Amino acid sequence: MDMFKKNQGGFNIISNKNQVHGGYGAGMIDLSSVSSIILSEEEAVIDVGALHAKSAVEKGVKFSMNKEDVPNGARYWLVWVAVDTGEVGSYYAGVTACEMLIDREARRGWKILADHVNKMDYAMKRRYILDGLSEKEKENLRTLLSTHNPDIWERSPQELKDMLA
């Protein structure tokens, strides 16, 4: 039996428009409130392709789990942003950052996929984890979040604003 031809129930990504009441599809994860940002010293850019490891900087790159394989890699961060709605409106409820090294010329990169998955989970669970960001990277992220939607930024917790100050 060829297990790759068999239709397997698996990990499904849905929007909140589906109405599931148990049975097939129960336990699916709703990523409709999660976005991804690619962050560097130069800029912060919303790149939804990163949800599937296909951001502009990741395309065409072969990744390794060994940092030593990418000695000339430029540092990028994949930032997961979860938006939630409170009593007064939407706010940035979870923001986490995962480090990557990418050498575009050599088409090689370093990242820990498990870290990326865990950090997405932490953002969805309304946590703020921004360890390791430089001052310039914090500034770039703060600028993007505050200008993309000033109302959401204004309603976001002071904890996030302090982390990016």
Protein backbone atom coordinates (compact mmCIF):
# COMPACT_ATOMS: atom_id res chain seq x y z
CA MET A 1 0.00 0.00 0.00
CA ASP A 2 1.34 3.43 -0.94
CA MET A 3 0.78 5.62 2.08
CA PHE A 4 1.37 8.80 0.08
CA LYS A 5 -1.62 8.15 -2.18
CA LYS A 6 -3.97 7.50 0.72
CA ASN A 7 -6.16 10.46 1.67
CA GLN A 8 -5.14 11.25 5.24
CA GLY A 9 -6.85 13.60 7.64
CA GLY A 10 -4.19 15.98 8.83
CA PHE A 11 -3.35 19.47 9.83
CA ASN A 12 -5.93 21.84 8.38
CA ILE A 13 -5.75 25.59 8.29
CA ILE A 14 -9.13 27.29 8.27
CA SER A 15 -10.65 30.68 8.66
CA ASN A 16 -13.17 31.55 11.32
CA LYS A 17 -15.96 31.41 8.71
CA ASN A 18 -16.28 27.63 9.08
CA GLN A 19 -18.84 26.28 11.51
CA VAL A 20 -17.57 22.93 12.79
CA HIS A 21 -19.49 21.07 15.48
CA GLY A 22 -17.31 18.01 16.06
CA GLY A 23 -16.70 15.13 13.68
CA TYR A 24 -14.36 15.55 10.73
CA GLY A 25 -12.47 18.81 10.99
CA ALA A 26 -12.79 19.12 14.76
CA GLY A 27 -9.54 20.31 16.29
CA MET A 28 -8.48 22.42 13.34
CA ILE A 29 -6.35 25.46 13.98
CA ASP A 30 -7.66 28.87 12.95
CA LEU A 31 -4.86 31.06 11.60
CA SER A 32 -7.14 33.83 10.32
CA SER A 33 -5.90 36.20 13.05
CA VAL A 34 -2.17 35.45 12.57
CA SER A 35 0.11 37.36 10.22
CA SER A 36 3.82 37.14 9.54
CA ILE A 37 6.42 39.86 9.20
CA ILE A 38 9.94 39.52 7.86
CA LEU A 39 12.20 41.78 9.90
CA SER A 40 15.81 42.88 9.38
CA GLU A 41 18.07 45.79 10.24
CA GLU A 42 16.91 47.42 6.98
CA GLU A 43 13.13 47.00 7.13
CA ALA A 44 10.04 45.23 8.40
CA VAL A 45 7.65 43.86 5.77
CA ILE A 46 4.38 41.97 6.07
CA ASP A 47 4.85 38.72 4.14
CA VAL A 48 1.99 36.23 4.45
CA GLY A 49 4.02 33.70 2.47
CA ALA A 50 5.97 33.07 5.66
CA LEU A 51 2.93 31.23 7.06
CA HIS A 52 4.00 28.39 4.75
CA ALA A 53 7.79 29.03 4.87
CA LYS A 54 7.57 30.73 1.48
CA SER A 55 8.40 34.33 2.29
CA ALA A 56 10.33 36.37 -0.26
CA VAL A 57 13.61 35.84 1.61
CA GLU A 58 13.03 32.09 2.12
CA LYS A 59 12.14 31.17 -1.48
CA GLY A 60 14.84 29.16 -3.21
CA VAL A 61 16.89 28.73 -0.04
CA LYS A 62 17.95 25.34 1.31
CA PHE A 63 17.85 25.41 5.10
CA SER A 64 20.10 23.65 7.57
CA MET A 65 19.87 23.29 11.34
CA ASN A 66 23.61 24.08 11.66
CA LYS A 67 24.52 27.78 11.90
CA GLU A 68 28.05 26.94 10.72
CA ASP A 69 26.62 26.04 7.28
CA VAL A 70 25.75 29.72 6.72
CA PRO A 71 28.88 31.72 7.64
CA ASN A 72 27.92 34.70 5.43
CA GLY A 73 24.23 34.72 6.28
CA ALA A 74 22.31 37.92 6.84
CA ARG A 75 20.11 37.91 9.94
CA TYR A 76 16.36 38.01 9.44
CA TRP A 77 13.54 37.50 11.89
CA LEU A 78 10.19 35.90 11.23
CA VAL A 79 7.76 37.76 13.48
CA TRP A 80 4.39 36.19 14.22
CA VAL A 81 1.62 38.67 15.04
CA ALA A 82 -1.74 37.58 16.46
CA VAL A 83 -4.57 40.10 16.50
CA ASP A 84 -7.46 39.75 18.93
CA THR A 85 -10.55 41.82 19.60
CA GLY A 86 -11.24 43.19 23.06
CA GLU A 87 -14.03 45.31 24.47
CA VAL A 88 -12.82 48.44 22.68
CA GLY A 89 -11.57 46.86 19.46
CA SER A 90 -8.68 44.94 17.90
CA TYR A 91 -5.16 44.93 19.34
CA TYR A 92 -1.83 43.13 18.86
CA ALA A 93 -2.44 40.26 21.28
CA GLY A 94 0.67 38.15 20.64
CA VAL A 95 3.99 38.98 18.98
CA THR A 96 6.95 36.60 18.80
CA ALA A 97 10.20 36.60 16.82
CA CYS A 98 12.25 33.71 15.39
CA GLU A 99 15.78 34.17 14.07
CA MET A 100 17.00 33.04 10.64
CA LEU A 101 20.29 33.42 8.77
CA ILE A 102 20.06 33.58 4.99
CA ASP A 103 22.82 33.79 2.39
CA ARG A 104 20.88 34.69 -0.78
CA GLU A 105 23.94 34.37 -3.01
CA ALA A 106 24.76 30.84 -1.83
CA ARG A 107 21.03 30.01 -1.50
CA ARG A 108 21.66 28.58 1.97
CA GLY A 109 20.01 29.38 5.25
CA TRP A 110 19.73 28.45 8.91
CA LYS A 111 16.59 28.22 10.99
CA ILE A 112 15.13 25.92 13.58
CA LEU A 113 11.72 24.95 12.24
CA ALA A 114 10.54 23.74 15.64
CA ASP A 115 11.30 27.20 17.07
CA HIS A 116 9.24 28.83 14.30
CA VAL A 117 6.28 26.53 15.00
CA ASN A 118 6.52 27.02 18.77
CA LYS A 119 6.79 30.80 18.45
CA MET A 120 3.70 30.86 16.21
CA ASP A 121 1.91 28.89 18.90
CA TYR A 122 3.09 31.33 21.58
CA ALA A 123 1.82 34.30 19.54
CA MET A 124 -1.56 32.57 19.16
CA LYS A 125 -1.56 32.06 22.94
CA ARG A 126 -1.16 35.83 23.40
CA ARG A 127 2.48 36.02 24.44
CA TYR A 128 5.17 38.57 23.63
CA ILE A 129 8.62 37.08 22.98
CA LEU A 130 11.05 39.44 21.27
CA ASP A 131 14.37 38.34 22.78
CA GLY A 132 17.45 39.02 20.67
CA LEU A 133 16.16 41.90 18.53
CA SER A 134 18.60 44.76 18.04
CA GLU A 135 17.52 48.33 18.75
CA LYS A 136 17.20 49.01 15.00
CA GLU A 137 15.11 45.85 14.49
CA LYS A 138 12.84 46.87 17.38
CA GLU A 139 12.48 50.32 15.83
CA ASN A 140 11.60 48.83 12.42
CA LEU A 141 9.00 46.50 13.94
CA ARG A 142 7.51 49.27 16.09
CA THR A 143 7.26 51.55 13.04
CA LEU A 144 5.50 48.89 10.96
CA LEU A 145 3.04 47.91 13.70
CA SER A 146 2.23 51.51 14.62
CA THR A 147 1.80 52.76 11.05
CA HIS A 148 0.07 49.70 9.55
CA ASN A 149 -2.93 50.30 11.78
CA PRO A 150 -2.52 53.10 14.35
CA ASP A 151 -5.78 52.19 16.12
CA ILE A 152 -4.69 48.60 16.74
CA TRP A 153 -1.30 49.84 17.98
CA GLU A 154 -2.96 52.35 20.30
CA ARG A 155 -5.16 49.65 21.87
CA SER A 156 -2.25 47.19 22.28
CA PRO A 157 -0.90 46.51 25.78
CA GLN A 158 1.81 48.73 27.21
CA GLU A 159 3.93 45.58 27.68
CA LEU A 160 4.38 45.29 23.90
CA LYS A 161 5.11 49.00 23.50
CA ASP A 162 7.72 48.84 26.27
CA MET A 163 9.42 45.82 24.67
CA LEU A 164 9.76 47.77 21.41
CA ALA A 165 10.78 51.08 23.02
